[in-house]
């Protein structure tokens, strides 16, 4: 029997371990001989590459500042539609599992927190921008305290990116804990991201198996 394709997203604040857990999830799918593809947002497509340059400070506006939150939301939405059409939909349609390191929940979280306006209105607008994007079959949120995630980022020794200020990360952690409220029709599971990488990976895969059991 042909396997039904699935689209799984792993989300969380910077330092929560999304990239690590996508790789661990892929290892488990590979061991189980499940056809899969890993991907990420911003994507590796042309618009996603542009967004990454903004996030790392390599691309700024003429006044030397990063683009505003609304411009970033538009860029992320454009990248997302290209990502869905070029990578996600074809593989899922062929019966594979696509595992993405972030998706539109990141736009809802990051751009609404950065808006400086009515966050409810910002969330509504960002949802509208992404209304044609394919919905994930499962979103797994890695729940980790902002202070712990910040310590992990410091250990990496990398230059801070656009959204990695501690106060922003604290607000993002709170937003992610309430993600189901903002995406009530999506299947969302909150996972404790404390402990070793193996322990978190086991929780992630258990959530996946539970969601698709039977």
Protein backbone atom coordinates (compact mmCIF):
# COMPACT_ATOMS: atom_id res chain seq x y z
CA UNK A 1 0.00 0.00 0.00
CA UNK A 2 1.32 3.44 -0.93
CA UNK A 3 2.18 5.61 2.04
CA UNK A 4 0.21 8.80 2.46
CA UNK A 5 2.42 11.86 2.29
CA UNK A 6 2.86 13.98 5.39
CA UNK A 7 4.12 17.45 6.13
CA UNK A 8 5.66 17.90 9.58
CA UNK A 9 7.05 21.14 10.99
CA UNK A 10 9.35 21.64 13.98
CA UNK A 11 9.17 25.08 15.61
CA UNK A 12 10.65 26.92 18.57
CA UNK A 13 12.65 29.96 19.63
CA UNK A 14 16.28 30.43 18.60
CA UNK A 15 18.37 27.93 20.53
CA UNK A 16 15.49 25.53 21.21
CA UNK A 17 17.06 22.95 18.91
CA UNK A 18 14.84 22.94 15.83
CA UNK A 19 17.70 22.27 13.40
CA UNK A 20 19.16 19.53 15.58
CA UNK A 21 15.80 17.85 16.05
CA UNK A 22 14.96 17.95 12.35
CA UNK A 23 18.22 16.07 11.75
CA UNK A 24 17.45 13.55 14.51
CA UNK A 25 13.92 13.09 13.16
CA UNK A 26 15.40 12.41 9.71
CA UNK A 27 17.72 9.79 11.20
CA UNK A 28 14.73 7.97 12.65
CA UNK A 29 12.76 8.12 9.40
CA UNK A 30 15.80 6.82 7.54
CA UNK A 31 16.16 3.92 9.98
CA UNK A 32 12.46 3.13 9.53
CA UNK A 33 12.92 3.22 5.73
CA UNK A 34 10.39 6.02 5.33
CA UNK A 35 10.93 8.24 2.27
CA UNK A 36 11.58 11.74 3.57
CA UNK A 37 12.96 15.13 2.74
CA UNK A 38 14.18 17.79 5.17
CA UNK A 39 13.88 21.47 4.44
CA UNK A 40 13.84 24.81 6.24
CA UNK A 41 12.53 28.35 6.31
CA UNK A 42 13.77 30.70 5.17
CA UNK A 43 14.17 28.23 2.31
CA UNK A 44 17.18 27.72 0.08
CA UNK A 45 15.23 29.18 -2.84
CA UNK A 46 15.88 32.64 -4.32
CA UNK A 47 13.62 34.57 -1.93
CA UNK A 48 14.71 32.56 1.08
CA UNK A 49 18.35 33.31 0.27
CA UNK A 50 17.48 37.02 0.26
CA UNK A 51 15.73 36.69 3.64
CA UNK A 52 18.77 34.96 5.15
CA UNK A 53 20.94 37.88 4.06
CA UNK A 54 18.60 40.23 5.92
CA UNK A 55 18.65 38.05 9.06
CA UNK A 56 22.44 37.97 9.15
CA UNK A 57 22.79 41.72 8.54
CA UNK A 58 24.33 41.36 5.08
CA UNK A 59 21.40 43.17 3.46
CA UNK A 60 19.97 46.39 4.90
CA UNK A 61 17.81 49.30 3.71
CA UNK A 62 19.44 52.56 2.49
CA UNK A 63 19.32 54.01 6.01
CA UNK A 64 21.37 51.08 7.30
CA UNK A 65 18.50 49.43 9.14
CA UNK A 66 16.84 46.05 8.65
CA UNK A 67 13.48 46.08 6.84
CA UNK A 68 10.44 46.55 9.07
CA UNK A 69 8.27 43.76 10.40
CA UNK A 70 5.61 44.09 7.68
CA UNK A 71 8.19 43.94 4.90
CA UNK A 72 9.72 40.86 6.53
CA UNK A 73 6.30 39.22 6.82
CA UNK A 74 5.74 39.80 3.09
CA UNK A 75 9.16 38.41 2.21
CA UNK A 76 8.61 35.31 4.36
CA UNK A 77 5.16 34.75 2.82
CA UNK A 78 6.57 35.01 -0.72
CA UNK A 79 9.37 32.59 0.15
CA UNK A 80 6.83 30.23 1.71
CA UNK A 81 4.66 29.98 -1.39
CA UNK A 82 7.73 29.31 -3.54
CA UNK A 83 8.87 26.74 -0.97
CA UNK A 84 5.52 24.95 -0.99
CA UNK A 85 5.25 24.84 -4.77
CA UNK A 86 8.87 23.88 -5.47
CA UNK A 87 9.69 21.50 -2.61
CA UNK A 88 6.91 20.58 -0.23
CA UNK A 89 3.86 19.79 -2.35
CA UNK A 90 5.62 17.58 -4.95
CA UNK A 91 7.29 15.38 -2.34
CA UNK A 92 4.19 15.02 -0.16
CA UNK A 93 2.08 14.24 -3.25
CA UNK A 94 4.51 11.43 -4.08
CA UNK A 95 3.89 9.86 -0.65
CA UNK A 96 6.96 11.12 1.20
CA UNK A 97 7.36 12.85 4.55
CA UNK A 98 8.61 16.43 4.44
CA UNK A 99 10.11 17.70 7.70
CA UNK A 100 10.61 21.47 7.84
CA UNK A 101 12.72 23.47 10.26
CA UNK A 102 10.13 26.28 10.76
CA UNK A 103 7.12 27.36 8.72
CA UNK A 104 4.38 30.01 8.99
CA UNK A 105 4.14 29.72 12.79
CA UNK A 106 7.54 31.43 12.83
CA UNK A 107 6.12 34.33 10.84
CA UNK A 108 3.19 34.62 13.23
CA UNK A 109 5.50 34.58 16.23
CA UNK A 110 8.45 36.67 15.10
CA UNK A 111 6.74 39.34 13.02
CA UNK A 112 3.85 39.88 15.45
CA UNK A 113 6.25 40.20 18.39
CA UNK A 114 8.35 42.70 16.39
CA UNK A 115 5.34 44.68 15.14
CA UNK A 116 5.17 47.08 18.07
CA UNK A 117 1.46 47.40 17.31
CA UNK A 118 -1.67 45.52 18.22
CA UNK A 119 -0.35 41.96 18.12
CA UNK A 120 -3.82 40.53 17.53
CA UNK A 121 -4.16 42.66 14.38
CA UNK A 122 -0.64 41.69 13.28
CA UNK A 123 -1.40 37.99 13.69
CA UNK A 124 -4.63 38.36 11.69
CA UNK A 125 -2.80 40.11 8.85
CA UNK A 126 0.03 37.56 8.77
CA UNK A 127 -2.49 34.71 8.75
CA UNK A 128 -4.22 36.35 5.79
CA UNK A 129 -0.90 36.64 3.94
CA UNK A 130 -0.35 32.90 4.38
CA UNK A 131 -3.90 31.67 3.81
CA UNK A 132 -2.95 29.86 0.59
CA UNK A 133 0.07 28.10 2.11
CA UNK A 134 -0.34 24.35 2.63
CA UNK A 135 -1.19 23.50 6.24
CA UNK A 136 1.18 21.15 8.09
CA UNK A 137 -0.22 17.79 9.08
CA UNK A 138 1.61 18.21 12.39
CA UNK A 139 3.52 21.06 14.05
CA UNK A 140 5.83 20.13 16.93
CA UNK A 141 6.86 23.06 19.13
CA UNK A 142 10.05 22.68 21.16
CA UNK A 143 9.25 24.42 24.44
CA UNK A 144 12.32 25.84 26.15
CA UNK A 145 12.82 28.74 28.55
CA UNK A 146 14.29 31.78 26.82
CA UNK A 147 17.21 31.97 29.30
CA UNK A 148 18.21 28.37 28.59
CA UNK A 149 17.95 28.91 24.84
CA UNK A 150 20.03 32.08 25.18
CA UNK A 151 22.78 30.17 26.97
CA UNK A 152 22.79 27.62 24.16
CA UNK A 153 23.14 30.38 21.56
CA UNK A 154 26.09 31.85 23.47
CA UNK A 155 27.76 28.45 23.53
CA UNK A 156 27.56 28.32 19.73
CA UNK A 157 29.68 31.46 19.58
CA UNK A 158 27.95 32.76 16.46
CA UNK A 159 27.09 36.38 15.69
CA UNK A 160 23.58 37.26 16.87
CA UNK A 161 20.96 37.44 14.13
CA UNK A 162 18.11 39.91 13.71
CA UNK A 163 15.69 38.46 16.28
CA UNK A 164 18.09 37.06 18.87
CA UNK A 165 17.84 39.80 21.49
CA UNK A 166 16.89 38.31 24.87
CA UNK A 167 13.74 40.41 25.36
CA UNK A 168 12.47 39.34 21.94
CA UNK A 169 13.15 35.69 22.71
CA UNK A 170 11.23 35.89 26.00
CA UNK A 171 8.19 37.24 24.13
CA UNK A 172 8.57 34.57 21.46
CA UNK A 173 8.68 31.78 24.05
CA UNK A 174 5.35 32.97 25.46
CA UNK A 175 3.83 33.22 21.99
CA UNK A 176 4.87 29.67 21.07
CA UNK A 177 3.30 28.27 24.23
CA UNK A 178 -0.01 29.74 23.05
CA UNK A 179 0.47 28.79 19.40
CA UNK A 180 -2.62 26.57 19.31
CA UNK A 181 -4.71 29.63 20.15
CA UNK A 182 -3.40 31.41 17.05
CA UNK A 183 -3.71 28.38 14.75
CA UNK A 184 -6.76 26.61 16.18
CA UNK A 185 -7.35 24.36 13.15
CA UNK A 186 -3.80 22.98 13.08
CA UNK A 187 -2.51 19.89 14.85
CA UNK A 188 0.02 21.33 17.31
CA UNK A 189 1.98 19.47 19.99
CA UNK A 190 4.13 21.18 22.63
CA UNK A 191 7.25 19.19 23.54
CA UNK A 192 9.52 19.71 26.55
CA UNK A 193 12.88 20.63 24.98
CA UNK A 194 14.94 20.33 28.16
CA UNK A 195 17.29 17.41 28.65
CA UNK A 196 19.69 15.73 26.24
CA UNK A 197 19.30 15.79 22.47
CA UNK A 198 18.43 12.10 22.54
CA UNK A 199 15.74 12.62 25.16
CA UNK A 200 14.15 15.44 23.16
CA UNK A 201 14.41 13.42 19.94
CA UNK A 202 12.56 10.54 21.60
CA UNK A 203 9.75 12.91 22.67
CA UNK A 204 9.52 14.37 19.18
CA UNK A 205 9.23 10.99 17.49
CA UNK A 206 6.74 9.76 20.07
CA UNK A 207 4.55 12.79 19.29
CA UNK A 208 4.81 12.00 15.57
CA UNK A 209 3.87 8.34 16.04
CA UNK A 210 0.94 9.27 18.30
CA UNK A 211 -0.39 11.81 15.79
CA UNK A 212 -0.43 9.29 12.93
CA UNK A 213 -1.15 6.08 14.82
CA UNK A 214 -3.62 3.91 12.99
